[in-house]
Amino acid sequence: MASEVRHIFFEESELVRALMKYSLVKKRPLEFKDIKGVIVNNMGSVSATMMVKVISNEPPVKIEFSTPELAAALVLFCNETGIDLPRKGVKTLNVDEDQVYMTIIVNERTIIGGNKMDRLTRKYANMGLTKKSG
């Protein structure tokens, strides 16, 4: 059965925009001029730390974004910029050097009653069951 695997790579500027938008949605708005950088963490799971300097003579503050928060920010970014994401695809975050990318796997096979069936087969199998029982 056909499967699709996609990788969407995000530039650092896109990552910053995604995290800024996510912060705005969560009612913790950040000013672009205050952002001093983003550090991608890949210690077992992918997360991000944004360095924000609000007060000029103070060191930057670290704002942590967990894996689910980072994933939500990137999905929001994709939706707002027109990057198509399959709803039923399995999405994972990965890091290649310092660049974050999302892997999306869409596989039509599902398991029904212990048997692997694709969606089309399942549809016609269910129709057959409906006709026999009616």
C-alpha atoms as a PDB file:
ATOM      1  CA  MET A   1       0.000   0.000   0.000  1.00  0.00           C
ATOM      2  CA  ALA A   2       1.190   3.478  -0.780  1.00  0.00           C
ATOM      3  CA  SER A   3       2.821   5.584   1.898  1.00  0.00           C
ATOM      4  CA  GLU A   4       4.005   9.157   1.844  1.00  0.00           C
ATOM      5  CA  VAL A   5       6.927  10.573   3.809  1.00  0.00           C
ATOM      6  CA  ARG A   6       7.541  14.309   3.847  1.00  0.00           C
ATOM      7  CA  HIS A   7      10.209  16.410   5.541  1.00  0.00           C
ATOM      8  CA  ILE A   8       9.637  20.112   6.128  1.00  0.00           C
ATOM      9  CA  PHE A   9      12.760  22.004   7.152  1.00  0.00           C
ATOM     10  CA  PHE A  10      12.454  25.280   9.055  1.00  0.00           C
ATOM     11  CA  GLU A  11      14.972  28.121   8.847  1.00  0.00           C
ATOM     12  CA  GLU A  12      15.896  29.812  12.131  1.00  0.00           C
ATOM     13  CA  SER A  13      13.885  32.901  11.131  1.00  0.00           C
ATOM     14  CA  GLU A  14      10.821  30.700  10.533  1.00  0.00           C
ATOM     15  CA  LEU A  15      11.337  29.018  13.878  1.00  0.00           C
ATOM     16  CA  VAL A  16      11.463  32.447  15.570  1.00  0.00           C
ATOM     17  CA  ARG A  17       8.287  33.557  13.766  1.00  0.00           C
ATOM     18  CA  ALA A  18       6.525  30.326  14.742  1.00  0.00           C
ATOM     19  CA  LEU A  19       7.477  30.686  18.405  1.00  0.00           C
ATOM     20  CA  MET A  20       6.514  34.370  18.437  1.00  0.00           C
ATOM     21  CA  LYS A  21       3.083  33.585  16.984  1.00  0.00           C
ATOM     22  CA  TYR A  22       2.609  30.704  19.416  1.00  0.00           C
ATOM     23  CA  SER A  23       3.525  33.006  22.312  1.00  0.00           C
ATOM     24  CA  LEU A  24       1.014  35.565  21.081  1.00  0.00           C
ATOM     25  CA  VAL A  25      -1.723  32.919  20.904  1.00  0.00           C
ATOM     26  CA  LYS A  26      -0.830  31.847  24.471  1.00  0.00           C
ATOM     27  CA  LYS A  27      -1.084  35.499  25.555  1.00  0.00           C
ATOM     28  CA  ARG A  28       2.650  35.871  26.217  1.00  0.00           C
ATOM     29  CA  PRO A  29       3.570  38.213  23.333  1.00  0.00           C
ATOM     30  CA  LEU A  30       7.234  38.759  22.488  1.00  0.00           C
ATOM     31  CA  GLU A  31       8.767  41.684  20.637  1.00  0.00           C
ATOM     32  CA  PHE A  32      10.985  40.745  17.687  1.00  0.00           C
ATOM     33  CA  LYS A  33      13.632  43.287  18.743  1.00  0.00           C
ATOM     34  CA  ASP A  34      13.936  41.538  22.126  1.00  0.00           C
ATOM     35  CA  ILE A  35      14.748  38.107  20.663  1.00  0.00           C
ATOM     36  CA  LYS A  36      18.473  37.444  20.687  1.00  0.00           C
ATOM     37  CA  GLY A  37      18.435  33.886  19.374  1.00  0.00           C
ATOM     38  CA  VAL A  38      16.982  30.404  19.487  1.00  0.00           C
ATOM     39  CA  ILE A  39      18.780  27.314  20.695  1.00  0.00           C
ATOM     40  CA  VAL A  40      17.484  23.961  19.455  1.00  0.00           C
ATOM     41  CA  ASN A  41      17.756  21.214  22.044  1.00  0.00           C
ATOM     42  CA  ASN A  42      17.945  17.601  20.947  1.00  0.00           C
ATOM     43  CA  MET A  43      18.406  15.690  24.180  1.00  0.00           C
ATOM     44  CA  GLY A  44      16.099  12.720  23.633  1.00  0.00           C
ATOM     45  CA  SER A  45      13.314  14.945  22.336  1.00  0.00           C
ATOM     46  CA  VAL A  46      13.349  18.138  20.320  1.00  0.00           C
ATOM     47  CA  SER A  47      12.675  21.393  22.152  1.00  0.00           C
ATOM     48  CA  ALA A  48      13.729  25.009  21.830  1.00  0.00           C
ATOM     49  CA  THR A  49      15.036  27.755  24.070  1.00  0.00           C
ATOM     50  CA  MET A  50      14.486  31.333  23.019  1.00  0.00           C
ATOM     51  CA  MET A  51      16.877  33.968  24.358  1.00  0.00           C
ATOM     52  CA  VAL A  52      14.947  37.183  25.086  1.00  0.00           C
ATOM     53  CA  LYS A  53      16.503  40.412  26.324  1.00  0.00           C
ATOM     54  CA  VAL A  54      13.861  42.775  27.641  1.00  0.00           C
ATOM     55  CA  ILE A  55      16.026  45.020  29.842  1.00  0.00           C
ATOM     56  CA  SER A  56      19.137  46.388  28.125  1.00  0.00           C
ATOM     57  CA  ASN A  57      21.624  46.003  30.989  1.00  0.00           C
ATOM     58  CA  GLU A  58      20.354  42.581  32.096  1.00  0.00           C
ATOM     59  CA  PRO A  59      21.358  39.207  30.625  1.00  0.00           C
ATOM     60  CA  PRO A  60      18.874  37.527  28.254  1.00  0.00           C
ATOM     61  CA  VAL A  61      16.091  35.485  29.778  1.00  0.00           C
ATOM     62  CA  LYS A  62      15.621  31.906  28.594  1.00  0.00           C
ATOM     63  CA  ILE A  63      12.119  30.893  27.531  1.00  0.00           C
ATOM     64  CA  GLU A  64      11.745  27.143  27.145  1.00  0.00           C
ATOM     65  CA  PHE A  65       9.406  25.542  24.604  1.00  0.00           C
ATOM     66  CA  SER A  66       8.726  21.836  25.156  1.00  0.00           C
ATOM     67  CA  THR A  67       8.309  19.357  22.306  1.00  0.00           C
ATOM     68  CA  PRO A  68       4.484  19.670  22.251  1.00  0.00           C
ATOM     69  CA  GLU A  69       4.722  23.487  22.335  1.00  0.00           C
ATOM     70  CA  LEU A  70       7.307  23.535  19.549  1.00  0.00           C
ATOM     71  CA  ALA A  71       5.194  21.143  17.466  1.00  0.00           C
ATOM     72  CA  ALA A  72       2.080  23.287  18.024  1.00  0.00           C
ATOM     73  CA  ALA A  73       4.023  26.412  17.025  1.00  0.00           C
ATOM     74  CA  LEU A  74       5.274  24.797  13.808  1.00  0.00           C
ATOM     75  CA  VAL A  75       1.823  23.431  12.882  1.00  0.00           C
ATOM     76  CA  LEU A  76       0.378  26.912  13.465  1.00  0.00           C
ATOM     77  CA  PHE A  77       3.149  28.390  11.305  1.00  0.00           C
ATOM     78  CA  CYS A  78       2.429  25.891   8.511  1.00  0.00           C
ATOM     79  CA  ASN A  79      -1.291  26.591   8.633  1.00  0.00           C
ATOM     80  CA  GLU A  80      -0.768  30.354   8.480  1.00  0.00           C
ATOM     81  CA  THR A  81       1.809  30.272   5.687  1.00  0.00           C
ATOM     82  CA  GLY A  82      -0.070  27.808   3.478  1.00  0.00           C
ATOM     83  CA  ILE A  83       2.162  24.773   3.985  1.00  0.00           C
ATOM     84  CA  ASP A  84      -0.156  21.785   3.580  1.00  0.00           C
ATOM     85  CA  LEU A  85      -0.091  19.295   6.445  1.00  0.00           C
ATOM     86  CA  PRO A  86      -2.089  16.086   6.128  1.00  0.00           C
ATOM     87  CA  ARG A  87      -4.450  15.864   9.090  1.00  0.00           C
ATOM     88  CA  LYS A  88      -4.042  12.101   9.520  1.00  0.00           C
ATOM     89  CA  GLY A  89      -0.274  12.023   9.059  1.00  0.00           C
ATOM     90  CA  VAL A  90       1.960  11.021  11.952  1.00  0.00           C
ATOM     91  CA  LYS A  91       4.134  14.047  12.700  1.00  0.00           C
ATOM     92  CA  THR A  92       7.493  13.972  14.462  1.00  0.00           C
ATOM     93  CA  LEU A  93      10.122  16.635  15.093  1.00  0.00           C
ATOM     94  CA  ASN A  94      13.765  16.042  14.304  1.00  0.00           C
ATOM     95  CA  VAL A  95      17.010  18.008  14.187  1.00  0.00           C
ATOM     96  CA  ASP A  96      19.617  17.963  11.436  1.00  0.00           C
ATOM     97  CA  GLU A  97      22.626  19.785  12.846  1.00  0.00           C
ATOM     98  CA  ASP A  98      20.843  22.875  14.246  1.00  0.00           C
ATOM     99  CA  GLN A  99      17.894  22.907  11.843  1.00  0.00           C
ATOM    100  CA  VAL A 100      14.504  21.662  13.011  1.00  0.00           C
ATOM    101  CA  TYR A 101      12.429  19.637  10.589  1.00  0.00           C
ATOM    102  CA  MET A 102       9.077  17.914  10.768  1.00  0.00           C
ATOM    103  CA  THR A 103       8.640  14.433   9.347  1.00  0.00           C
ATOM    104  CA  ILE A 104       5.131  13.498   8.283  1.00  0.00           C
ATOM    105  CA  ILE A 105       4.234   9.908   7.463  1.00  0.00           C
ATOM    106  CA  VAL A 106       0.908   9.100   5.845  1.00  0.00           C
ATOM    107  CA  ASN A 107       0.137   5.414   5.510  1.00  0.00           C
ATOM    108  CA  GLU A 108      -3.229   4.253   4.223  1.00  0.00           C
ATOM    109  CA  ARG A 109      -3.125   0.962   6.084  1.00  0.00           C
ATOM    110  CA  THR A 110      -5.177   0.544   9.210  1.00  0.00           C
ATOM    111  CA  ILE A 111      -5.667  -2.489  11.417  1.00  0.00           C
ATOM    112  CA  ILE A 112      -9.252  -3.743  11.675  1.00  0.00           C
ATOM    113  CA  GLY A 113     -10.053  -6.877  13.597  1.00  0.00           C
ATOM    114  CA  GLY A 114      -6.409  -7.945  13.509  1.00  0.00           C
ATOM    115  CA  ASN A 115      -6.251  -7.625   9.698  1.00  0.00           C
ATOM    116  CA  LYS A 116      -4.416  -4.904   7.855  1.00  0.00           C
ATOM    117  CA  MET A 117      -6.804  -3.207   5.452  1.00  0.00           C
ATOM    118  CA  ASP A 118      -6.482  -0.056   3.436  1.00  0.00           C
ATOM    119  CA  ARG A 119      -9.249   2.572   3.647  1.00  0.00           C
ATOM    120  CA  LEU A 120     -10.830   1.621   0.317  1.00  0.00           C
ATOM    121  CA  THR A 121     -11.005  -2.075   1.250  1.00  0.00           C
ATOM    122  CA  ARG A 122     -12.429  -1.164   4.661  1.00  0.00           C
ATOM    123  CA  LYS A 123     -15.092   1.023   3.023  1.00  0.00           C
ATOM    124  CA  TYR A 124     -16.274  -1.762   0.709  1.00  0.00           C
ATOM    125  CA  ALA A 125     -16.011  -4.393   3.449  1.00  0.00           C
ATOM    126  CA  ASN A 126     -18.239  -2.248   5.664  1.00  0.00           C
ATOM    127  CA  MET A 127     -20.685  -1.716   2.803  1.00  0.00           C
ATOM    128  CA  GLY A 128     -20.867  -5.475   2.294  1.00  0.00           C
ATOM    129  CA  LEU A 129     -21.551  -6.021   6.000  1.00  0.00           C
ATOM    130  CA  THR A 130     -24.294  -3.394   5.914  1.00  0.00           C
ATOM    131  CA  LYS A 131     -25.976  -4.981   2.889  1.00  0.00           C
ATOM    132  CA  LYS A 132     -25.869  -8.481   4.389  1.00  0.00           C
ATOM    133  CA  SER A 133     -27.266  -7.401   7.736  1.00  0.00           C
ATOM    134  CA  GLY A 134     -30.032  -5.195   6.239  1.00  0.00           C
END
